[in-house]
Protein backbone atom coordinates (compact mmCIF):
# COMPACT_ATOMS: atom_id res chain seq x y z
CA MET A 1 24.06 20.83 20.75
CA LEU A 2 25.47 19.21 23.87
CA LYS A 3 23.95 21.05 26.82
CA THR A 4 25.27 19.15 29.84
CA LEU A 5 27.54 16.20 30.50
CA TYR A 6 27.47 14.30 33.80
CA LEU A 7 30.22 11.80 34.69
CA LYS A 8 30.35 9.36 37.57
CA ASN A 9 33.27 7.04 38.41
CA ILE A 10 35.03 7.60 35.08
CA ALA A 11 38.82 7.05 35.37
CA LEU A 12 40.09 9.70 37.82
CA VAL A 13 36.75 11.54 37.89
CA ASP A 14 34.56 10.52 40.80
CA GLU A 15 31.72 12.88 39.86
CA ALA A 16 31.44 15.92 37.63
CA GLU A 17 28.82 17.88 35.73
CA ILE A 18 29.77 20.17 32.85
CA ALA A 19 27.41 22.76 31.38
CA PHE A 20 28.58 23.71 27.88
CA ALA A 21 27.93 27.01 26.13
CA GLU A 22 26.36 27.36 22.68
CA GLY A 23 29.49 28.70 20.97
CA LEU A 24 33.15 27.79 21.46
CA ASN A 25 33.99 25.65 24.51
CA VAL A 26 37.69 25.11 25.24
CA LEU A 27 39.08 22.42 27.54
CA SER A 28 42.59 23.07 28.81
CA GLY A 29 44.89 21.70 31.47
CA GLU A 30 48.23 20.07 32.06
CA THR A 31 49.09 16.94 30.10
CA GLY A 32 47.65 13.93 31.93
CA ALA A 33 45.15 16.01 33.91
CA GLY A 34 42.18 14.21 32.33
CA LYS A 35 41.17 16.10 29.19
CA SER A 36 41.05 12.86 27.25
CA VAL A 37 38.73 11.45 29.92
CA ILE A 38 36.13 14.06 28.97
CA LEU A 39 36.35 13.18 25.30
CA ASP A 40 36.37 9.44 26.03
CA SER A 41 33.23 9.94 28.10
CA ILE A 42 31.54 11.77 25.25
CA ASP A 43 32.56 8.97 22.87
CA PHE A 44 31.18 6.44 25.37
CA VAL A 45 27.79 8.13 25.66
CA LEU A 46 27.66 8.52 21.87
CA GLY A 47 27.83 4.74 21.47
CA ALA A 48 31.55 3.90 21.22
CA LYS A 49 32.73 0.44 22.27
CA ALA A 50 32.62 0.08 26.05
CA ASP A 51 35.88 -0.44 27.91
CA LYS A 52 35.80 -1.68 31.51
CA GLY A 53 39.14 0.07 32.02
CA MET A 54 37.34 3.41 32.17
CA ILE A 55 35.62 2.46 35.47
CA ARG A 56 37.24 4.23 38.41
CA SER A 57 39.39 1.93 40.53
CA GLY A 58 37.47 0.46 43.46
CA GLN A 59 34.04 1.11 41.90
CA SER A 60 31.66 -1.42 40.41
CA GLU A 61 30.00 0.82 37.86
CA CYS A 62 30.48 3.99 35.85
CA SER A 63 27.92 6.14 34.07
CA VAL A 64 27.70 9.08 31.71
CA ARG A 65 24.64 11.23 31.09
CA ALA A 66 24.44 13.68 28.20
CA GLU A 67 21.65 16.13 27.49
CA PHE A 68 21.28 17.43 23.93
CA THR A 69 19.03 19.99 22.36
CA CYS A 70 18.11 19.15 18.76
CA ASP A 71 15.80 19.81 15.84
CA PRO A 72 13.22 16.97 15.94
CA VAL A 73 12.31 17.55 12.28
CA LEU A 74 15.87 16.80 11.11
CA LEU A 75 15.98 13.70 13.31
CA ARG A 76 12.47 12.47 12.47
CA PRO A 77 13.63 9.45 10.38
CA VAL A 78 15.90 8.29 13.23
CA PHE A 79 13.18 8.87 15.84
CA GLU A 80 10.82 6.72 13.76
CA GLU A 81 13.40 3.96 13.35
CA LEU A 82 14.05 3.91 17.10
CA ASP A 83 10.31 4.12 17.82
CA LEU A 84 10.93 7.19 20.00
CA GLU A 85 8.60 10.10 20.56
CA GLU A 86 9.85 13.26 18.87
CA SER A 87 11.42 15.75 21.23
CA ASP A 88 13.71 18.80 21.09
CA THR A 89 15.61 17.41 24.09
CA LEU A 90 17.51 14.12 24.17
CA LEU A 91 18.72 12.61 27.42
CA ILE A 92 21.19 9.78 26.83
CA VAL A 93 22.29 7.68 29.80
CA ARG A 94 24.86 4.91 29.53
CA ARG A 95 26.14 2.67 32.32
CA LEU A 96 28.84 0.00 32.43
CA ASN A 97 29.53 -2.61 35.13
CA VAL A 98 32.85 -4.28 35.94
CA ASP A 99 31.43 -7.57 34.65
CA GLY A 100 31.08 -5.97 31.21
CA ARG A 101 27.32 -5.58 31.25
CA GLY A 102 25.76 -2.21 30.72
CA SER A 103 22.67 -0.30 29.72
CA LEU A 104 21.77 2.41 27.22
CA LYS A 105 18.71 4.62 27.35
CA ILE A 106 17.47 7.53 25.26
CA ASN A 107 14.76 9.55 26.98
CA GLY A 108 14.22 6.56 29.26
CA CYS A 109 13.84 4.01 26.45
CA PRO A 110 16.44 1.18 26.17
CA VAL A 111 18.34 1.04 22.86
CA THR A 112 21.33 -0.83 21.42
CA ALA A 113 24.74 0.77 20.87
CA THR A 114 24.28 0.43 17.10
CA LEU A 115 20.99 2.32 17.13
CA LEU A 116 22.46 4.89 19.50
CA ARG A 117 25.28 5.58 17.04
CA ARG A 118 22.72 6.01 14.26
CA LEU A 119 21.17 8.82 16.26
CA THR A 120 24.25 10.50 17.71
CA SER A 121 26.01 10.56 14.33
CA GLN A 122 23.38 13.16 13.43
CA LEU A 123 24.20 15.21 16.54
CA VAL A 124 27.97 15.23 17.00
CA ASP A 125 30.99 15.18 14.70
CA VAL A 126 34.27 14.26 16.40
CA HIS A 127 37.64 15.20 14.95
CA GLY A 128 40.66 13.69 16.65
CA GLN A 129 44.38 13.93 16.08
CA SER A 130 44.32 10.84 13.84
CA GLU A 131 41.07 11.55 12.00
CA HIS A 132 43.11 12.20 8.86
CA PHE A 133 43.07 8.42 8.34
CA PHE A 134 39.34 8.76 7.69
CA LEU A 135 39.82 11.24 4.85
CA LEU A 136 42.64 9.23 3.31
CA LYS A 137 40.15 6.54 2.30
CA GLU A 138 38.60 7.20 -1.09
CA ALA A 139 35.20 5.82 -0.05
CA ASN A 140 35.04 8.37 2.77
CA GLN A 141 36.08 11.16 0.40
CA LEU A 142 33.13 10.24 -1.83
CA ARG A 143 30.70 10.28 1.10
CA LEU A 144 31.98 13.69 2.21
CA LEU A 145 31.56 15.01 -1.32
CA ASP A 146 27.99 13.68 -1.42
CA GLN A 147 27.26 15.47 1.83
CA ILE A 148 28.60 18.72 0.39
CA ALA A 149 26.92 18.35 -3.01
CA GLY A 150 23.56 17.15 -1.66
CA THR A 151 23.23 14.12 -3.93
CA GLN A 152 20.60 12.16 -2.03
CA GLN A 153 17.99 12.38 -4.81
CA GLU A 154 20.48 11.29 -7.49
CA ARG A 155 21.79 8.41 -5.35
CA GLU A 156 18.24 7.22 -4.69
CA ALA A 157 17.60 7.18 -8.45
CA VAL A 158 20.73 5.05 -9.00
CA ALA A 159 19.79 2.69 -6.16
CA SER A 160 16.26 2.24 -7.53
CA LEU A 161 17.53 1.38 -11.02
CA LEU A 162 20.10 -1.02 -9.59
CA LYS A 163 17.38 -2.81 -7.64
CA GLU A 164 15.30 -3.10 -10.80
CA ARG A 165 18.35 -4.37 -12.74
CA ARG A 166 19.11 -7.09 -10.20
CA ALA A 167 15.48 -8.26 -10.30
CA LEU A 168 15.58 -8.47 -14.10
CA GLU A 169 18.91 -10.32 -14.07
CA LYS A 170 17.57 -12.77 -11.49
CA LYS A 171 14.47 -13.42 -13.57
CA LEU A 172 16.57 -13.91 -16.70
CA ALA A 173 18.89 -16.30 -14.84
CA SER A 174 15.84 -18.28 -13.71
CA LEU A 175 15.17 -19.06 -17.37
CA GLY A 176 18.31 -21.16 -17.39
CA GLY A 177 20.80 -19.25 -19.49
CA ASP A 178 21.19 -20.31 -23.14
CA GLU A 179 18.72 -22.44 -25.12
CA GLY A 180 20.54 -25.71 -24.41
CA GLU A 181 20.58 -25.09 -20.65
CA ARG A 182 16.90 -24.14 -20.70
CA GLU A 183 15.98 -27.36 -22.54
CA ARG A 184 17.97 -29.46 -20.06
CA ARG A 185 16.19 -27.71 -17.22
CA ALA A 186 12.83 -28.28 -18.91
CA ASP A 187 13.56 -32.05 -19.25
CA ILE A 188 14.28 -32.26 -15.53
CA LEU A 189 11.06 -30.41 -14.72
CA ARG A 190 9.01 -32.65 -17.03
CA PHE A 191 10.38 -35.73 -15.27
CA GLN A 192 9.61 -34.30 -11.83
CA ILE A 193 6.12 -33.18 -12.85
CA ASP A 194 5.36 -36.57 -14.40
CA GLU A 195 6.60 -38.39 -11.30
CA LEU A 196 4.45 -36.30 -8.98
CA GLN A 197 1.37 -36.36 -11.20
CA THR A 198 1.64 -40.15 -11.64
CA ALA A 199 1.94 -40.56 -7.87
CA ALA A 200 -1.29 -38.53 -7.45
CA LEU A 201 -0.45 -37.55 -3.91
CA LYS A 202 -3.32 -36.45 -1.67
CA GLU A 203 -3.15 -34.79 1.71
CA GLY A 204 -4.37 -37.16 4.46
CA GLU A 205 -3.66 -40.29 2.43
CA GLU A 206 -0.50 -41.13 4.34
CA GLU A 207 -2.37 -41.05 7.64
CA GLU A 208 -5.07 -43.38 6.31
CA LEU A 209 -2.50 -45.83 4.95
CA THR A 210 -0.55 -45.77 8.21
CA ALA A 211 -3.71 -46.71 10.07
CA LEU A 212 -4.33 -49.59 7.64
CA ARG A 213 -0.77 -50.85 8.02
CA THR A 214 -1.15 -50.82 11.80
CA LYS A 215 -4.36 -52.83 11.41
CA PHE A 216 -2.71 -55.43 9.15
CA GLN A 217 0.33 -55.73 11.41
CA ASN A 218 -1.91 -56.47 14.40
CA ALA A 219 -4.61 -58.59 12.69
CA GLU A 220 -4.13 -61.67 14.92
CA LYS A 221 -4.42 -59.58 18.07
CA ILE A 222 -7.53 -57.86 16.73
CA LEU A 223 -9.16 -61.21 15.80
CA GLY A 224 -8.34 -62.64 19.20
CA GLY A 225 -9.82 -59.64 20.95
CA LEU A 226 -13.01 -59.67 18.91
CA LYS A 227 -13.42 -63.46 19.48
CA THR A 228 -13.00 -62.91 23.21
CA VAL A 229 -15.74 -60.27 23.15
CA ARG A 230 -18.12 -62.53 21.16
CA ASP A 231 -17.52 -65.60 23.32
CA ALA A 232 -17.80 -63.72 26.60
CA LEU A 233 -21.16 -62.34 25.60
CA LEU A 234 -22.86 -65.01 23.42
CA SER A 235 -21.35 -68.43 24.22
CA ASP A 236 -23.17 -70.91 26.49
CA GLY A 237 -22.99 -69.62 30.01
CA GLY A 238 -21.87 -66.19 28.76
CA ALA A 239 -23.09 -62.77 29.78
CA ALA A 240 -26.21 -62.92 27.57
CA ASP A 241 -27.30 -66.26 29.17
CA ALA A 242 -26.77 -64.78 32.64
CA VAL A 243 -28.89 -61.71 31.85
CA ASN A 244 -31.53 -63.93 30.22
CA THR A 245 -31.68 -66.10 33.37
CA ALA A 246 -32.05 -62.96 35.50
CA HIS A 247 -34.87 -61.76 33.28
CA ARG A 248 -36.77 -65.07 33.54
CA GLY A 249 -36.42 -64.95 37.32
CA LEU A 250 -37.94 -61.48 37.39
CA LEU A 251 -40.82 -62.56 35.14
CA SER A 252 -41.74 -65.32 37.65
CA VAL A 253 -42.50 -62.71 40.32
CA ILE A 254 -43.72 -59.82 38.23
CA LYS A 255 -47.39 -60.57 39.11
CA TYR A 256 -46.67 -59.89 42.76
CA GLY A 257 -45.46 -56.30 42.34
CA ASP A 258 -44.58 -53.37 40.11
CA TYR A 259 -41.46 -54.81 38.38
CA ASP A 260 -42.27 -53.83 34.79
CA ALA A 261 -39.63 -51.10 34.64
CA LEU A 262 -36.90 -53.39 35.94
CA SER A 263 -37.98 -56.06 33.46
CA GLU A 264 -37.74 -53.57 30.61
CA ARG A 265 -34.23 -52.57 31.65
CA LEU A 266 -33.09 -56.21 31.65
CA GLU A 267 -34.58 -56.68 28.21
CA ASN A 268 -32.64 -53.64 26.97
CA VAL A 269 -29.39 -54.91 28.51
CA LEU A 270 -29.92 -58.30 26.91
CA ALA A 271 -30.58 -56.76 23.51
CA GLU A 272 -27.45 -54.54 23.80
CA LEU A 273 -25.22 -57.46 24.84
CA GLU A 274 -26.47 -59.58 21.96
CA ASP A 275 -25.87 -56.70 19.52
CA ILE A 276 -22.34 -56.12 20.81
CA GLY A 277 -21.50 -59.82 20.54
CA GLU A 278 -22.88 -60.06 17.03
CA THR A 279 -21.06 -56.87 15.93
CA ALA A 280 -17.78 -58.23 17.26
CA ALA A 281 -18.36 -61.46 15.34
CA SER A 282 -19.22 -59.51 12.19
CA LEU A 283 -16.06 -57.35 12.47
CA ALA A 284 -13.96 -60.47 12.84
CA GLU A 285 -15.48 -61.95 9.68
CA GLU A 286 -14.93 -58.66 7.78
CA LEU A 287 -11.27 -58.37 8.79
CA ASP A 288 -9.44 -58.67 5.46
CA MET A 289 -6.24 -60.66 5.82
CA ASP A 290 -5.36 -60.25 2.12
CA GLU A 291 -1.55 -60.09 2.02
CA ARG A 292 -1.61 -58.43 -1.39
CA GLU A 293 -3.51 -55.47 0.06
CA ALA A 294 -1.04 -55.26 2.93
CA GLU A 295 1.83 -55.26 0.42
CA ARG A 296 0.10 -52.52 -1.62
CA VAL A 297 -0.24 -50.34 1.47
CA GLU A 298 3.42 -50.84 2.38
CA ASN A 299 4.63 -50.02 -1.14
CA ARG A 300 2.46 -46.90 -1.31
CA LEU A 301 3.82 -45.66 2.01
CA ASP A 302 7.38 -46.23 0.75
CA GLU A 303 6.56 -44.28 -2.41
CA ILE A 304 5.13 -41.36 -0.42
CA LYS A 305 8.18 -41.37 1.87
CA SER A 306 10.53 -41.25 -1.12
CA LEU A 307 8.63 -38.40 -2.77
CA LYS A 308 8.54 -36.44 0.49
CA LYS A 309 12.30 -36.78 0.82
CA LYS A 310 12.86 -35.56 -2.75
CA TYR A 311 10.35 -32.74 -2.83
CA GLY A 312 10.18 -30.96 0.49
CA GLY A 313 9.67 -33.22 3.50
CA SER A 314 5.87 -33.40 3.47
CA VAL A 315 3.02 -34.15 1.08
CA LYS A 316 1.96 -30.50 1.26
CA GLU A 317 5.45 -29.32 0.26
CA ALA A 318 5.62 -31.91 -2.54
CA LEU A 319 2.33 -30.61 -3.97
CA ALA A 320 3.64 -27.04 -3.68
CA PHE A 321 6.81 -28.11 -5.52
CA LEU A 322 4.62 -29.56 -8.26
CA ALA A 323 2.80 -26.25 -8.68
CA ARG A 324 6.09 -24.32 -8.86
CA ALA A 325 7.59 -26.80 -11.30
CA GLN A 326 4.56 -26.51 -13.59
CA GLU A 327 4.81 -22.72 -13.48
CA GLU A 328 8.55 -22.78 -14.22
CA LEU A 329 8.09 -25.24 -17.08
CA THR A 330 5.43 -23.01 -18.62
CA LEU A 331 7.85 -20.10 -18.36
CA LEU A 332 10.67 -22.14 -19.94
CA GLU A 333 8.49 -23.37 -22.77
CA ASN A 334 7.83 -19.72 -23.58
CA SER A 335 11.38 -18.69 -22.66
CA ALA A 336 12.53 -17.48 -26.05
CA GLU A 337 9.88 -14.76 -26.10
CA GLU A 338 10.35 -14.02 -22.38
CA CYS A 339 14.16 -13.83 -22.74
CA GLU A 340 13.89 -11.31 -25.53
CA LYS A 341 11.49 -9.27 -23.45
CA LEU A 342 13.81 -9.33 -20.41
CA LYS A 343 16.85 -8.48 -22.52
CA GLY A 344 15.00 -5.49 -23.90
CA LEU A 345 14.10 -4.35 -20.39
CA LEU A 346 17.73 -4.80 -19.29
CA GLU A 347 18.92 -2.75 -22.22
CA SER A 348 16.51 0.05 -21.33
CA ASN A 349 17.54 -0.23 -17.69
CA ALA A 350 21.23 0.01 -18.63
CA LYS A 351 20.64 3.26 -20.52
CA ALA A 352 18.61 4.69 -17.64
CA LEU A 353 21.19 3.54 -15.07
CA TYR A 354 24.10 5.01 -17.02
CA SER A 355 22.17 8.26 -17.37
CA ALA A 356 21.46 8.28 -13.62
CA CYS A 357 25.15 7.64 -12.86
CA THR A 358 26.24 10.48 -15.13
CA ALA A 359 23.66 12.77 -13.51
CA LEU A 360 25.09 11.82 -10.10
CA THR A 361 28.61 12.51 -11.36
CA LYS A 362 27.54 15.88 -12.73
CA LYS A 363 25.99 16.84 -9.38
CA ARG A 364 29.15 15.74 -7.58
CA LYS A 365 31.39 17.69 -9.92
CA GLU A 366 29.28 20.79 -9.48
CA GLY A 367 29.52 20.37 -5.73
CA ALA A 368 33.24 19.62 -5.94
CA ASP A 369 33.95 22.82 -7.89
CA GLY A 370 32.47 25.05 -5.22
CA PHE A 371 33.77 22.88 -2.38
CA THR A 372 37.40 22.86 -3.54
CA ARG A 373 37.28 26.60 -4.22
CA ARG A 374 35.90 27.40 -0.78
CA VAL A 375 38.27 25.01 1.03
CA THR A 376 41.22 26.51 -0.87
CA GLU A 377 40.19 29.99 0.22
CA GLU A 378 39.82 28.76 3.80
CA LEU A 379 43.31 27.22 3.66
CA LYS A 380 44.76 30.50 2.48
CA THR A 381 43.28 32.23 5.51
CA LEU A 382 44.79 29.42 7.61
CA ASN A 383 48.30 30.44 6.53
CA ILE A 384 48.71 28.05 3.60
CA PRO A 385 48.77 30.80 0.96
CA SER A 386 49.75 28.55 -1.97
CA ALA A 387 47.27 25.79 -1.15
CA ARG A 388 45.66 23.96 -4.04
CA PHE A 389 42.89 21.45 -3.50
CA GLU A 390 41.20 19.43 -6.22
CA VAL A 391 38.86 16.46 -6.52
CA ALA A 392 39.87 14.06 -9.31
CA PHE A 393 37.17 11.91 -10.91
CA ASP A 394 38.21 8.71 -12.68
CA PRO A 395 36.55 8.47 -16.11
CA TYR A 396 34.11 5.67 -16.92
CA THR A 397 32.01 4.41 -19.84
CA GLU A 398 28.89 2.27 -20.28
CA GLU A 399 31.17 -0.78 -20.28
CA ASP A 400 31.81 -0.12 -16.58
CA LEU A 401 28.13 -0.59 -15.66
CA PRO A 402 28.70 -4.12 -14.22
CA ARG A 403 30.64 -2.55 -11.33
CA ALA A 404 27.96 0.06 -10.55
CA ASN A 405 26.70 0.13 -6.98
CA ALA A 406 24.56 2.39 -4.82
CA GLU A 407 27.33 5.02 -5.00
CA GLY A 408 27.16 5.04 -8.80
CA LEU A 409 30.30 4.61 -10.91
CA ASP A 410 32.46 7.37 -9.48
CA ARG A 411 35.89 6.89 -8.03
CA VAL A 412 37.27 10.11 -6.60
CA ARG A 413 40.55 11.18 -5.05
CA PHE A 414 41.31 14.28 -3.01
CA LEU A 415 44.44 15.96 -4.40
CA PHE A 416 46.43 18.58 -2.50
CA SER A 417 49.49 20.77 -2.76
CA ALA A 418 50.67 23.17 -0.07
CA ASN A 419 53.55 24.71 -1.96
CA ALA A 420 53.71 26.94 -5.03
CA GLY A 421 55.07 25.22 -8.11
CA GLU A 422 54.44 21.73 -6.74
CA PRO A 423 51.87 19.51 -8.46
CA VAL A 424 48.81 18.29 -6.59
CA LYS A 425 49.11 14.72 -5.30
CA GLU A 426 46.90 12.34 -3.35
CA LEU A 427 46.11 13.75 0.06
CA GLY A 428 47.83 11.10 2.15
CA LYS A 429 51.09 11.22 0.21
CA ILE A 430 52.13 14.81 0.85
CA ILE A 431 50.12 16.49 3.61
CA SER A 432 51.80 17.07 7.00
CA GLY A 433 50.15 16.75 10.40
CA GLY A 434 49.77 20.49 10.87
CA GLU A 435 48.48 20.95 7.35
CA MET A 436 46.01 18.12 7.85
CA SER A 437 44.65 19.81 10.98
CA ARG A 438 44.08 23.01 9.04
CA PHE A 439 42.68 21.09 6.07
CA MET A 440 40.16 19.36 8.34
CA LEU A 441 39.22 22.69 9.91
CA ALA A 442 38.62 24.15 6.46
CA VAL A 443 36.42 21.16 5.57
CA LYS A 444 34.46 21.40 8.83
CA ALA A 445 33.92 25.11 8.17
CA GLN A 446 32.14 24.12 4.97
CA LEU A 447 30.10 21.39 6.65
CA SER A 448 28.97 23.74 9.43
CA SER A 449 27.13 25.84 6.85
CA LEU A 450 24.92 22.83 6.07
CA GLY A 451 23.52 22.95 9.59
CA THR A 452 23.06 19.18 9.87
CA ILE A 453 25.40 18.64 12.86
CA GLY A 454 24.88 20.53 16.10
CA THR A 455 28.25 19.92 17.77
CA TYR A 456 31.84 19.62 16.55
CA ILE A 457 34.44 18.15 18.86
CA PHE A 458 38.12 18.84 18.13
CA ASP A 459 40.78 16.91 20.02
CA GLU A 460 43.97 18.98 19.85
CA ILE A 461 43.41 20.01 16.23
CA ASP A 462 45.94 22.78 16.99
CA ALA A 463 48.76 20.21 17.17
CA GLY A 464 51.72 21.28 15.04
CA ILE A 465 50.68 24.93 14.66
CA GLY A 466 51.42 28.14 16.52
CA GLY A 467 51.93 31.89 16.25
CA LYS A 468 49.95 33.61 13.52
CA THR A 469 48.35 30.36 12.36
CA ALA A 470 47.01 29.71 15.87
CA ARG A 471 45.28 33.08 15.78
CA VAL A 472 43.73 32.27 12.40
CA VAL A 473 42.54 28.87 13.67
CA ALA A 474 40.97 30.61 16.66
CA GLU A 475 39.15 33.02 14.36
CA LYS A 476 37.99 30.08 12.25
CA PHE A 477 36.66 28.37 15.36
CA CYS A 478 34.86 31.57 16.23
CA SER A 479 33.29 31.74 12.77
CA ILE A 480 32.13 28.11 12.83
CA ALA A 481 30.78 28.50 16.35
CA LYS A 482 28.21 31.01 15.11
CA ASN A 483 26.24 28.10 13.62
CA THR A 484 27.68 25.03 15.32
CA GLN A 485 28.71 24.38 18.91
CA ILE A 486 32.41 23.55 19.27
CA ILE A 487 34.08 21.63 22.09
CA ALA A 488 37.84 21.77 21.65
CA VAL A 489 40.82 20.50 23.61
CA SER A 490 43.63 23.00 23.15
CA HIS A 491 47.07 23.87 24.50
CA LEU A 492 47.22 27.22 22.72
CA ALA A 493 46.48 30.47 24.51
CA GLN A 494 45.42 32.11 21.22
CA ILE A 495 42.56 29.62 20.89
CA ALA A 496 41.60 29.57 24.57
CA ALA A 497 41.26 33.37 24.49
CA PHE A 498 38.41 33.06 21.97
CA ALA A 499 36.41 30.65 24.13
CA ASP A 500 32.83 31.50 25.01
CA ARG A 501 33.33 29.19 27.96
CA GLU A 502 36.62 27.73 29.14
CA PHE A 503 37.04 24.69 31.36
CA LEU A 504 40.12 23.79 33.35
CA ILE A 505 40.89 20.14 34.04
CA GLU A 506 43.18 19.67 37.04
CA LYS A 507 44.60 16.59 38.75
CA ARG A 508 44.78 16.66 42.58
CA GLU A 509 45.55 14.29 45.44
CA GLU A 510 43.01 14.14 48.25
CA GLY A 511 43.05 11.63 51.10
CA GLY A 512 45.66 9.47 49.42
CA ARG A 513 43.75 9.23 46.10
CA THR A 514 44.08 11.10 42.81
CA TYR A 515 41.14 12.99 41.37
CA SER A 516 40.51 14.93 38.16
CA ARG A 517 38.46 18.07 38.71
CA ILE A 518 36.66 19.99 35.96
CA ARG A 519 35.43 23.54 36.44
CA ALA A 520 34.35 26.45 34.31
CA LEU A 521 36.72 29.40 34.69
CA GLU A 522 35.68 32.87 35.72
CA GLU A 523 37.15 35.83 33.83
CA GLY A 524 40.02 36.33 36.28
CA GLU A 525 40.83 32.64 36.30
CA ARG A 526 40.92 32.64 32.50
CA ARG A 527 43.74 35.20 32.63
CA GLU A 528 45.73 32.90 34.92
CA GLU A 529 45.15 29.90 32.63
CA LEU A 530 46.26 31.89 29.58
CA VAL A 531 49.46 32.82 31.43
CA ARG A 532 50.07 29.12 32.08
CA LEU A 533 49.42 28.25 28.43
CA LEU A 534 51.83 31.00 27.37
CA GLY A 535 54.46 29.44 29.60
CA GLY A 536 54.95 32.61 31.62
CA GLU A 537 55.05 33.39 35.32
CA PRO A 538 52.08 35.00 37.10
CA GLY A 539 52.20 38.77 36.70
CA GLY A 540 54.45 40.81 34.47
CA SER A 541 54.56 40.57 30.67
CA ALA A 542 52.79 37.19 30.49
CA LEU A 543 49.73 38.63 32.24
CA MET A 544 49.78 41.64 29.92
CA HIS A 545 49.97 39.28 26.95
CA ALA A 546 47.03 37.30 28.31
CA ASP A 547 44.97 40.48 28.72
CA GLU A 548 45.89 41.49 25.19
CA LEU A 549 44.76 38.12 23.80
CA LEU A 550 41.44 38.35 25.63
CA GLU A 551 40.82 41.91 24.46
CA ASN A 552 41.72 41.08 20.87
CA ALA A 553 39.28 38.16 20.98
CA ARG A 554 36.51 40.38 22.32
CA VAL A 555 37.12 42.96 19.61
CA TYR A 556 37.13 40.32 16.87
CA LYS A 557 33.88 38.79 18.10
CA ARG A 558 32.24 42.19 18.36
CA GLU A 559 33.29 43.21 14.85
CA ASN A 560 32.30 39.85 13.33
CA ALA A 561 29.10 39.24 15.23
């Protein structure tokens, strides 16, 4: 449930903190006082689209903080998805700047608005004045029915079989369709395999050939360089002659001192220079200037480039393509047997899938029977005595399997009639605004028994009703609030009288600016607010009526505790 809500710089609210009760919380106040601001703030902190227009004029940022208590076991899958530590308390903080940037945190951890909505959809259910558009969509009616009937296991079975079916169909399609198409595909694969096998590609070959081509393209430069090395070292007057002259000079004086080591070094230098010169000469002689070899290298590189372009962009990818092509060809060559096998598996899958869909339908119909009966009884208590509510299921056969999806094969429509003797028709075609409000309340009464949502928010669900019906709606709120927290905006004294905690939203001018103030009402103040809602003047019969409403509410709660 929503424990506290803190607002800062939201519309006309500069700062406010609201502590909600566990049961029925009623927000009341004059039109335009700021009741919608509270609900907009709750929507905002639940992950609704951010609107810079909600930032209070003259401020650079607004923020909303909401503290929830929850059952961590029920929310475990969402906690795991968000990588959050399990907790029975959730603190959600959302901020928005005038430049459109903002932040979202759950228990101090940043999250996206999408992930936030995944979590908060398990905490709060909001019903607004136009929520009837939601129930007018058949897809939403089916989801609501699934929630009531508890069809998760059956839907998972359908989804699993559908996944298996798609995999089988994909594998069958990979075999190329009919026999003629498979043979054409096999011919293409044989050509590709033959081309790649004939080419005999090897990893590293392209690099070796590129090096050879570079060598051939620069042969004259290489020969010139090697000749320069040989001549500089071994020609007359070259480096070797100079070292040899130095060595002879040293030998002429070696008997006069210890110059053996220096002599040995000169000998080594001379030997190294001669070896380098001879090696350079040998490399020059070995340099193959065969133009046919150069042409072969160039052609091979062109062939590798062409194959790379056709089969994946690299030699490695081309070799991988070859392996896949060989595997596919083997499969195609044995395709007749494989096709029959896959067709048999698809046939078995179709029977299992149809059976799973019918099991899902059966579970939905069982749930629908009890659901429609209970909602109809609720509607009768909500002053629609001749109400009839049905769920129509469109028939289907095995021929409809191609359109099966994760929801099975069902197409459902909610049918309703408020008047005796009138046939049931699709919900959106005949239901009035007031009837829709009561219909939604009857539905929410059924959902509250499931215990999956901790808080219901009703935005003026009492629109279009009054008198005796208002009293019944108040009693229904009271009944739902035993299991589920309710936060309701209301203009009816009959409903406000049943509140476990009532809040008054007022608009005031202070220092030349307008402010919305929110405060919980004490018992005496509640009497005054009920008088205002009744449209009476302070004192007199209106006050007596207010006292009577409060006393009747206390008696009802006591007797139905």
